[in-house]
Protein backbone atom coordinates (compact mmCIF):
# COMPACT_ATOMS: atom_id res chain seq x y z
CA MET A 1 22.78 -3.86 -20.08
CA SER A 2 21.50 -7.60 -19.57
CA HIS A 3 23.01 -9.05 -15.97
CA THR A 4 22.94 -12.56 -15.31
CA LEU A 5 20.03 -13.91 -13.08
CA PRO A 6 20.84 -14.68 -9.07
CA ALA A 7 19.91 -18.12 -8.57
CA ALA A 8 17.20 -17.40 -6.13
CA VAL A 9 15.64 -14.29 -4.78
CA LEU A 10 14.89 -15.14 -0.98
CA TRP A 11 12.22 -12.64 0.74
CA ASP A 12 11.27 -12.39 4.00
CA MET A 13 7.28 -11.98 4.80
CA ASP A 14 6.28 -9.16 7.59
CA GLY A 15 6.92 -5.77 6.53
CA THR A 16 8.83 -7.10 3.41
CA LEU A 17 6.32 -8.69 1.44
CA VAL A 18 3.39 -7.59 2.85
CA ASP A 19 2.45 -5.06 5.61
CA THR A 20 1.26 -7.30 8.26
CA GLU A 21 3.42 -5.56 11.04
CA ARG A 22 0.42 -3.39 11.87
CA TYR A 23 -1.31 -6.45 12.31
CA TRP A 24 1.15 -7.92 15.27
CA MET A 25 0.84 -4.58 16.73
CA ALA A 26 -2.58 -4.24 17.03
CA ALA A 27 -2.72 -7.79 18.29
CA GLU A 28 0.08 -7.11 21.02
CA THR A 29 -1.73 -4.37 23.06
CA PRO A 30 -5.16 -6.33 23.76
CA LEU A 31 -3.27 -9.10 24.63
CA VAL A 32 -0.67 -7.09 27.44
CA GLU A 33 -3.65 -5.10 28.81
CA SER A 34 -6.10 -8.12 29.39
CA PHE A 35 -3.43 -9.43 31.78
CA GLY A 36 -3.34 -5.46 33.17
CA GLY A 37 -0.04 -4.21 31.66
CA THR A 38 0.96 -1.66 28.73
CA TRP A 39 2.28 -1.67 25.93
CA SER A 40 3.95 0.90 23.68
CA HIS A 41 4.62 1.78 20.29
CA GLU A 42 8.21 1.62 20.95
CA GLN A 43 7.86 -1.44 22.74
CA ALA A 44 6.19 -3.09 19.83
CA LEU A 45 9.09 -1.39 17.33
CA GLN A 46 11.44 -3.57 19.29
CA LEU A 47 9.62 -6.88 18.24
CA VAL A 48 9.84 -6.04 14.37
CA GLY A 49 11.82 -9.00 12.88
CA LEU A 50 12.27 -10.90 16.45
CA GLY A 51 11.49 -14.55 16.48
CA LEU A 52 8.22 -15.38 17.85
CA GLU A 53 9.31 -17.56 20.40
CA ASP A 54 11.98 -14.70 21.93
CA SER A 55 9.07 -12.00 21.27
CA ALA A 56 6.31 -14.44 23.58
CA ARG A 57 9.37 -14.37 26.58
CA ILE A 58 9.02 -10.36 26.19
CA PHE A 59 5.04 -10.50 26.76
CA GLN A 60 5.21 -12.86 29.36
CA ALA A 61 7.83 -10.21 31.28
CA ALA A 62 5.57 -7.46 30.49
CA GLY A 63 2.91 -9.77 32.76
CA VAL A 64 1.54 -11.99 30.18
CA ARG A 65 0.52 -15.39 32.19
CA MET A 66 0.41 -17.49 29.49
CA THR A 67 2.90 -20.33 28.03
CA VAL A 68 5.36 -18.97 25.14
CA PRO A 69 3.17 -21.30 22.47
CA ALA A 70 -0.08 -20.27 23.82
CA ILE A 71 0.98 -16.43 23.23
CA ILE A 72 2.26 -17.36 19.70
CA ASP A 73 -1.20 -19.14 18.91
CA ARG A 74 -2.85 -16.26 20.19
CA LEU A 75 -1.21 -13.49 18.32
CA THR A 76 -1.26 -15.74 15.13
CA ASP A 77 -4.93 -16.17 15.44
CA ASP A 78 -5.41 -12.31 15.68
CA VAL A 79 -3.21 -11.44 12.88
CA MET A 80 -4.74 -14.07 10.31
CA ALA A 81 -8.37 -13.16 11.23
CA ALA A 82 -7.11 -9.49 9.88
CA LEU A 83 -5.57 -11.01 6.88
CA ALA A 84 -9.05 -13.18 6.35
CA SER A 85 -10.65 -9.97 6.28
CA ASP A 86 -8.46 -7.25 5.23
CA GLY A 87 -6.76 -9.52 2.36
CA VAL A 88 -2.86 -9.70 1.88
CA PRO A 89 -1.66 -5.85 2.29
CA PHE A 90 1.33 -6.44 -0.23
CA ARG A 91 3.83 -3.68 -0.08
CA PRO A 92 4.03 -1.43 -2.89
CA GLY A 93 6.02 -2.96 -5.32
CA ALA A 94 6.39 -6.51 -3.71
CA ARG A 95 3.73 -8.38 -5.72
CA GLU A 96 4.45 -6.89 -9.09
CA LEU A 97 8.62 -7.87 -8.33
CA LEU A 98 7.60 -11.41 -7.18
CA ALA A 99 5.30 -12.48 -10.30
CA SER A 100 8.30 -11.22 -12.42
CA LEU A 101 10.85 -13.02 -10.75
CA ARG A 102 8.72 -15.95 -11.15
CA ALA A 103 8.00 -15.13 -14.91
CA ALA A 104 11.68 -14.96 -15.14
CA GLY A 105 12.65 -18.67 -13.98
CA VAL A 106 14.14 -17.11 -10.83
CA LYS A 107 13.46 -19.64 -7.78
CA THR A 108 12.03 -17.85 -5.10
CA ALA A 109 11.49 -18.94 -0.85
CA LEU A 110 9.93 -17.04 1.90
CA VAL A 111 11.83 -16.84 4.55
CA THR A 112 10.26 -15.58 7.95
CA MET A 113 9.80 -16.19 11.72
CA SER A 114 5.70 -16.47 11.74
CA ILE A 115 4.91 -20.24 11.85
CA ARG A 116 3.94 -22.08 9.48
CA ARG A 117 0.65 -21.97 9.59
CA MET A 118 0.43 -18.16 9.23
CA ALA A 119 2.82 -18.01 6.53
CA ASP A 120 0.97 -21.13 4.64
CA ALA A 121 -2.34 -18.51 5.20
CA VAL A 122 -0.49 -15.66 3.52
CA VAL A 123 1.09 -18.25 0.71
CA ASP A 124 -2.56 -19.01 0.28
CA LEU A 125 -3.95 -16.04 -0.31
CA ILE A 126 -1.43 -14.97 -3.40
CA ASP A 127 -3.24 -15.53 -7.00
CA PHE A 128 -0.29 -16.64 -8.39
CA ASP A 129 2.75 -19.75 -7.75
CA ALA A 130 4.60 -17.32 -5.64
CA PHE A 131 6.91 -19.44 -3.75
CA ASP A 132 9.12 -22.64 -4.77
CA LEU A 133 10.15 -22.87 -0.87
CA VAL A 134 8.57 -21.58 2.85
CA VAL A 135 10.97 -21.51 5.65
CA ALA A 136 8.93 -20.94 8.90
CA GLY A 137 9.80 -19.67 12.46
CA ASP A 138 9.04 -22.79 13.94
CA GLU A 139 11.01 -24.81 11.00
CA VAL A 140 14.53 -23.83 12.04
CA THR A 141 17.16 -24.42 15.13
CA ARG A 142 17.99 -21.07 15.15
CA PRO A 143 15.69 -17.91 14.66
CA LYS A 144 16.66 -14.65 12.96
CA PRO A 145 19.13 -12.76 13.63
CA PHE A 146 21.19 -16.05 13.18
CA PRO A 147 22.06 -16.92 9.16
CA ASP A 148 20.18 -20.51 9.92
CA PRO A 149 16.57 -19.76 8.31
CA TYR A 150 18.61 -18.30 5.08
CA LEU A 151 21.03 -21.34 4.97
CA GLN A 152 18.43 -23.80 5.41
CA ALA A 153 16.51 -22.18 2.27
CA CYS A 154 19.43 -22.29 0.30
CA ALA A 155 20.41 -25.76 0.99
CA THR A 156 16.43 -27.17 0.34
CA LEU A 157 16.80 -24.71 -3.00
CA GLY A 158 20.24 -26.53 -3.81
CA VAL A 159 21.58 -22.94 -4.33
CA ASP A 160 24.80 -21.27 -2.98
CA PRO A 161 24.07 -18.04 -0.65
CA ALA A 162 26.37 -16.46 -2.71
CA ASP A 163 24.42 -16.36 -5.77
CA THR A 164 20.77 -15.30 -3.63
CA VAL A 165 19.36 -11.91 -3.16
CA ALA A 166 17.75 -11.60 0.23
CA ILE A 167 15.42 -8.93 0.73
CA GLU A 168 14.47 -7.38 4.40
CA ASP A 169 12.83 -4.82 6.16
CA SER A 170 13.97 -5.41 9.63
CA PRO A 171 17.95 -5.13 11.38
CA ASN A 172 17.44 -8.59 12.47
CA GLY A 173 16.14 -10.09 8.95
CA LEU A 174 19.44 -7.96 7.44
CA ARG A 175 21.34 -9.46 10.20
CA SER A 176 20.60 -12.99 9.38
CA ALA A 177 20.49 -12.51 5.42
CA VAL A 178 23.94 -10.92 5.45
CA ALA A 179 25.50 -13.62 7.92
CA SER A 180 23.97 -16.38 5.43
CA GLY A 181 26.10 -14.74 2.68
CA ALA A 182 23.62 -13.71 0.55
CA SER A 183 23.51 -10.38 -1.23
CA VAL A 184 21.15 -8.18 0.56
CA ILE A 185 18.23 -5.30 -0.34
CA GLY A 186 17.11 -3.63 2.51
CA VAL A 187 13.31 -1.85 2.33
CA PRO A 188 12.26 0.13 5.56
CA LEU A 189 8.76 0.18 6.99
CA MET A 190 8.82 0.15 10.76
CA VAL A 191 12.36 0.79 11.94
CA SER A 192 15.51 2.62 10.37
CA LEU A 193 17.85 -0.34 8.99
CA ALA A 194 21.07 2.70 9.19
CA GLY A 195 24.05 0.15 10.53
CA ALA A 196 22.17 -2.83 10.14
CA GLY A 197 24.55 -3.89 7.10
CA ALA A 198 22.27 -4.44 4.16
CA HIS A 199 24.12 -3.82 0.96
CA VAL A 200 21.71 -1.26 -0.37
CA LEU A 201 18.47 0.27 0.93
CA TRP A 202 15.81 0.70 -1.37
CA PRO A 203 13.07 2.83 -0.07
CA SER A 204 10.35 0.99 -1.56
CA LEU A 205 9.97 -1.88 -4.18
CA GLU A 206 7.70 0.15 -6.55
CA GLY A 207 8.75 0.23 -9.91
CA LYS A 208 11.90 -2.10 -9.11
CA THR A 209 12.18 -4.97 -12.02
CA VAL A 210 14.34 -8.08 -12.34
CA GLU A 211 17.07 -6.26 -14.49
CA ASP A 212 16.94 -4.28 -11.17
CA VAL A 213 17.70 -7.13 -9.05
CA ALA A 214 19.96 -8.67 -11.18
CA ALA A 215 22.46 -5.09 -11.43
CA PHE A 216 22.08 -5.04 -7.76
CA HIS A 217 23.91 -8.32 -7.29
CA ALA A 218 26.27 -8.25 -9.93
CA ALA A 219 27.50 -5.05 -8.77
CA HIS A 220 27.57 -6.61 -5.15
CA ILE A 221 29.85 -9.48 -6.17
CA ALA A 222 32.07 -7.00 -8.41
CA ARG A 223 32.45 -5.35 -5.39
CA GLY A 224 33.42 -8.18 -3.33
CA ALA A 225 35.72 -9.71 -5.96
CA ALA A 226 37.94 -6.01 -6.00
CA GLN A 227 38.25 -5.85 -2.72
């Protein structure tokens, strides 16, 4: 059965489209240790999906004696260097699904808390025209978990949030997307998404098709209409 396609699919970047969370974590530990502090894997997990300014303040509380912009630049530079060296580490099935959505004529946006130069670096390494729009963390009034990033993407694309699908890997990202009114798919990576509000949880994007996305969106809209 064929379903009507959503007006747009909105993608989180780190941990959803690309498996860069490990790069961020690898950059965090030496940063904190350079100021004599310690940084655990559990602390790193708490930052997944958090805006970079909020994360930077947490590093300051952990003893990093740098300004918020300097911390963001330092971490971003380290992650960009890893990407330049290793290439874009797509999550399983993400590239294929994104390319299929583009081929089907579905609008796509990247909605990330990474800063613009980081987002552009990732997009530039993708070997096809992947997105109609990029909304970066340094371009929004309020970061995830507020709905602003997704609402900004929808407004710029000229689509109703209720006619979009968002794909996220973090609780903060899910809360942002759900609050915007989108139909939201959670694809966990580093942290559990249980109870974070996703309308459906997919263990992976591997093997997922445009029709799977359309069917999920249609079912979500139908459930809402029945309530």
